[in-house]
Amino acid sequence: MGEQLLKIYDEATKLGGGWARARLAKITCISSPKAKNLPDSPEYLQRFNTALETIKRDLKLMWFRY
């Protein structure tokens, strides 16, 4: 359960460390421990993938500013 959701958490962490991991939890309203116990349903995967795209966009904007 939640294997794909946790992989998205791992990807966020690789992209932006703790900030991105916390941002993913905030956007999805689902912490990583809770995600571990949820099914990898299409609804949750869409929510997490949309949040991950938002994080990627935010990171690009942060790097662009510098």
N, C-alpha and C. Protein backbone atom coordinates (compact mmCIF):
# COMPACT_ATOMS: atom_id res chain seq x y z
N MET A 1 0.83 -1.19 0.00
CA MET A 1 0.00 0.00 0.00
C MET A 1 0.87 1.25 0.00
N GLY A 2 0.50 2.20 -0.79
CA GLY A 2 1.17 3.49 -0.79
C GLY A 2 2.57 3.51 -1.35
N GLU A 3 2.99 2.44 -2.03
CA GLU A 3 4.36 2.38 -2.54
C GLU A 3 4.63 3.51 -3.54
N GLN A 4 3.74 3.74 -4.46
CA GLN A 4 3.93 4.79 -5.45
C GLN A 4 3.86 6.17 -4.81
N LEU A 5 2.99 6.32 -3.83
CA LEU A 5 2.91 7.60 -3.13
C LEU A 5 4.22 7.90 -2.41
N LEU A 6 4.81 6.89 -1.79
CA LEU A 6 6.09 7.09 -1.11
C LEU A 6 7.21 7.38 -2.10
N LYS A 7 7.13 6.80 -3.29
CA LYS A 7 8.13 7.11 -4.32
C LYS A 7 8.05 8.58 -4.72
N ILE A 8 6.86 9.12 -4.73
CA ILE A 8 6.70 10.54 -5.04
C ILE A 8 7.30 11.38 -3.92
N TYR A 9 7.13 10.95 -2.69
CA TYR A 9 7.79 11.63 -1.56
C TYR A 9 9.31 11.59 -1.73
N ASP A 10 9.83 10.43 -2.13
CA ASP A 10 11.28 10.31 -2.33
C ASP A 10 11.76 11.23 -3.45
N GLU A 11 10.99 11.30 -4.53
CA GLU A 11 11.36 12.17 -5.64
C GLU A 11 11.37 13.64 -5.21
N ALA A 12 10.36 14.03 -4.46
CA ALA A 12 10.31 15.41 -3.96
C ALA A 12 11.52 15.71 -3.09
N THR A 13 11.90 14.75 -2.24
CA THR A 13 13.05 14.94 -1.37
C THR A 13 14.33 15.09 -2.18
N LYS A 14 14.48 14.29 -3.23
CA LYS A 14 15.66 14.39 -4.09
C LYS A 14 15.72 15.74 -4.79
N LEU A 15 14.57 16.25 -5.16
CA LEU A 15 14.52 17.53 -5.87
C LEU A 15 14.79 18.73 -4.97
N GLY A 16 14.21 18.72 -3.77
CA GLY A 16 14.30 19.92 -2.95
C GLY A 16 14.47 19.69 -1.46
N GLY A 17 14.90 18.50 -1.09
CA GLY A 17 15.17 18.22 0.32
C GLY A 17 13.93 18.30 1.20
N GLY A 18 14.17 18.64 2.45
CA GLY A 18 13.09 18.70 3.43
C GLY A 18 12.01 19.70 3.08
N TRP A 19 12.43 20.81 2.43
CA TRP A 19 11.45 21.83 2.03
C TRP A 19 10.42 21.22 1.08
N ALA A 20 10.89 20.50 0.08
CA ALA A 20 9.98 19.92 -0.92
C ALA A 20 9.12 18.83 -0.30
N ARG A 21 9.69 18.06 0.60
CA ARG A 21 8.93 17.01 1.28
C ARG A 21 7.80 17.63 2.12
N ALA A 22 8.11 18.67 2.85
CA ALA A 22 7.10 19.35 3.66
C ALA A 22 6.05 20.01 2.77
N ARG A 23 6.49 20.57 1.66
CA ARG A 23 5.56 21.21 0.72
C ARG A 23 4.60 20.19 0.13
N LEU A 24 5.10 19.00 -0.19
CA LEU A 24 4.24 17.95 -0.71
C LEU A 24 3.17 17.57 0.31
N ALA A 25 3.57 17.45 1.56
CA ALA A 25 2.61 17.12 2.62
C ALA A 25 1.56 18.23 2.75
N LYS A 26 2.01 19.46 2.66
CA LYS A 26 1.08 20.58 2.80
C LYS A 26 0.10 20.65 1.63
N ILE A 27 0.60 20.49 0.43
CA ILE A 27 -0.27 20.59 -0.75
C ILE A 27 -1.28 19.44 -0.78
N THR A 28 -0.82 18.23 -0.49
CA THR A 28 -1.71 17.07 -0.57
C THR A 28 -2.55 16.87 0.69
N CYS A 29 -2.15 17.52 1.78
CA CYS A 29 -2.78 17.32 3.09
C CYS A 29 -2.64 15.89 3.57
N ILE A 30 -1.53 15.25 3.14
CA ILE A 30 -1.27 13.86 3.53
C ILE A 30 0.22 13.73 3.88
N SER A 31 0.50 13.38 5.12
CA SER A 31 1.89 13.20 5.54
C SER A 31 2.44 11.89 4.97
N SER A 32 3.76 11.75 4.98
CA SER A 32 4.35 10.52 4.45
C SER A 32 3.94 9.28 5.26
N PRO A 33 3.87 9.35 6.61
CA PRO A 33 3.40 8.16 7.32
C PRO A 33 1.97 7.76 6.94
N LYS A 34 1.13 8.76 6.72
CA LYS A 34 -0.24 8.47 6.32
C LYS A 34 -0.27 7.91 4.89
N ALA A 35 0.56 8.47 4.00
CA ALA A 35 0.62 8.01 2.61
C ALA A 35 1.03 6.54 2.54
N LYS A 36 1.87 6.13 3.47
CA LYS A 36 2.34 4.74 3.50
C LYS A 36 1.17 3.77 3.66
N ASN A 37 0.13 4.19 4.34
CA ASN A 37 -1.01 3.31 4.62
C ASN A 37 -2.18 3.50 3.65
N LEU A 38 -2.06 4.42 2.71
CA LEU A 38 -3.13 4.65 1.75
C LEU A 38 -2.93 3.79 0.51
N PRO A 39 -4.00 3.49 -0.20
CA PRO A 39 -3.85 2.75 -1.45
C PRO A 39 -3.31 3.68 -2.54
N ASP A 40 -2.62 3.10 -3.50
CA ASP A 40 -2.14 3.88 -4.65
C ASP A 40 -3.28 4.03 -5.66
N SER A 41 -4.33 4.68 -5.22
CA SER A 41 -5.51 4.84 -6.08
C SER A 41 -5.25 5.95 -7.10
N PRO A 42 -5.99 5.93 -8.20
CA PRO A 42 -5.83 6.99 -9.20
C PRO A 42 -6.04 8.39 -8.62
N GLU A 43 -6.99 8.51 -7.69
CA GLU A 43 -7.27 9.81 -7.08
C GLU A 43 -6.05 10.33 -6.31
N TYR A 44 -5.46 9.49 -5.46
CA TYR A 44 -4.30 9.91 -4.69
C TYR A 44 -3.08 10.15 -5.59
N LEU A 45 -2.90 9.28 -6.58
CA LEU A 45 -1.76 9.46 -7.48
C LEU A 45 -1.87 10.77 -8.25
N GLN A 46 -3.07 11.10 -8.68
CA GLN A 46 -3.26 12.38 -9.38
C GLN A 46 -2.96 13.55 -8.45
N ARG A 47 -3.45 13.48 -7.22
CA ARG A 47 -3.21 14.55 -6.25
C ARG A 47 -1.71 14.73 -6.00
N PHE A 48 -1.00 13.62 -5.82
CA PHE A 48 0.43 13.68 -5.53
C PHE A 48 1.23 14.14 -6.75
N ASN A 49 0.88 13.64 -7.93
CA ASN A 49 1.61 14.05 -9.13
C ASN A 49 1.38 15.52 -9.45
N THR A 50 0.18 16.01 -9.24
CA THR A 50 -0.10 17.43 -9.44
C THR A 50 0.70 18.27 -8.45
N ALA A 51 0.76 17.83 -7.21
CA ALA A 51 1.54 18.54 -6.20
C ALA A 51 3.02 18.52 -6.55
N LEU A 52 3.51 17.39 -7.04
CA LEU A 52 4.93 17.30 -7.43
C LEU A 52 5.25 18.26 -8.56
N GLU A 53 4.35 18.39 -9.52
CA GLU A 53 4.56 19.35 -10.61
C GLU A 53 4.60 20.78 -10.08
N THR A 54 3.76 21.08 -9.11
CA THR A 54 3.77 22.40 -8.48
C THR A 54 5.11 22.65 -7.80
N ILE A 55 5.62 21.66 -7.11
CA ILE A 55 6.91 21.79 -6.44
C ILE A 55 8.03 22.00 -7.45
N LYS A 56 8.00 21.26 -8.54
CA LYS A 56 9.02 21.44 -9.59
C LYS A 56 8.97 22.86 -10.14
N ARG A 57 7.77 23.36 -10.37
CA ARG A 57 7.62 24.74 -10.86
C ARG A 57 8.16 25.73 -9.84
N ASP A 58 7.81 25.54 -8.58
CA ASP A 58 8.29 26.43 -7.52
C ASP A 58 9.81 26.42 -7.43
N LEU A 59 10.41 25.24 -7.55
CA LEU A 59 11.87 25.15 -7.48
C LEU A 59 12.53 25.88 -8.65
N LYS A 60 11.94 25.76 -9.83
CA LYS A 60 12.48 26.48 -11.00
C LYS A 60 12.41 27.98 -10.77
N LEU A 61 11.29 28.45 -10.22
CA LEU A 61 11.14 29.88 -9.94
C LEU A 61 12.15 30.34 -8.89
N MET A 62 12.39 29.51 -7.89
CA MET A 62 13.36 29.86 -6.84
C MET A 62 14.76 29.97 -7.44
N TRP A 63 15.13 29.03 -8.32
CA TRP A 63 16.46 29.08 -8.94
C TRP A 63 16.56 30.25 -9.91
N PHE A 64 15.47 30.58 -10.57
CA PHE A 64 15.48 31.67 -11.54
C PHE A 64 15.75 33.00 -10.86
N ARG A 65 15.28 33.15 -9.64
CA ARG A 65 15.46 34.41 -8.91
C ARG A 65 16.93 34.68 -8.60
N TYR A 66 17.73 33.63 -8.49
CA TYR A 66 19.13 33.79 -8.14
C TYR A 66 19.93 33.83 -9.37
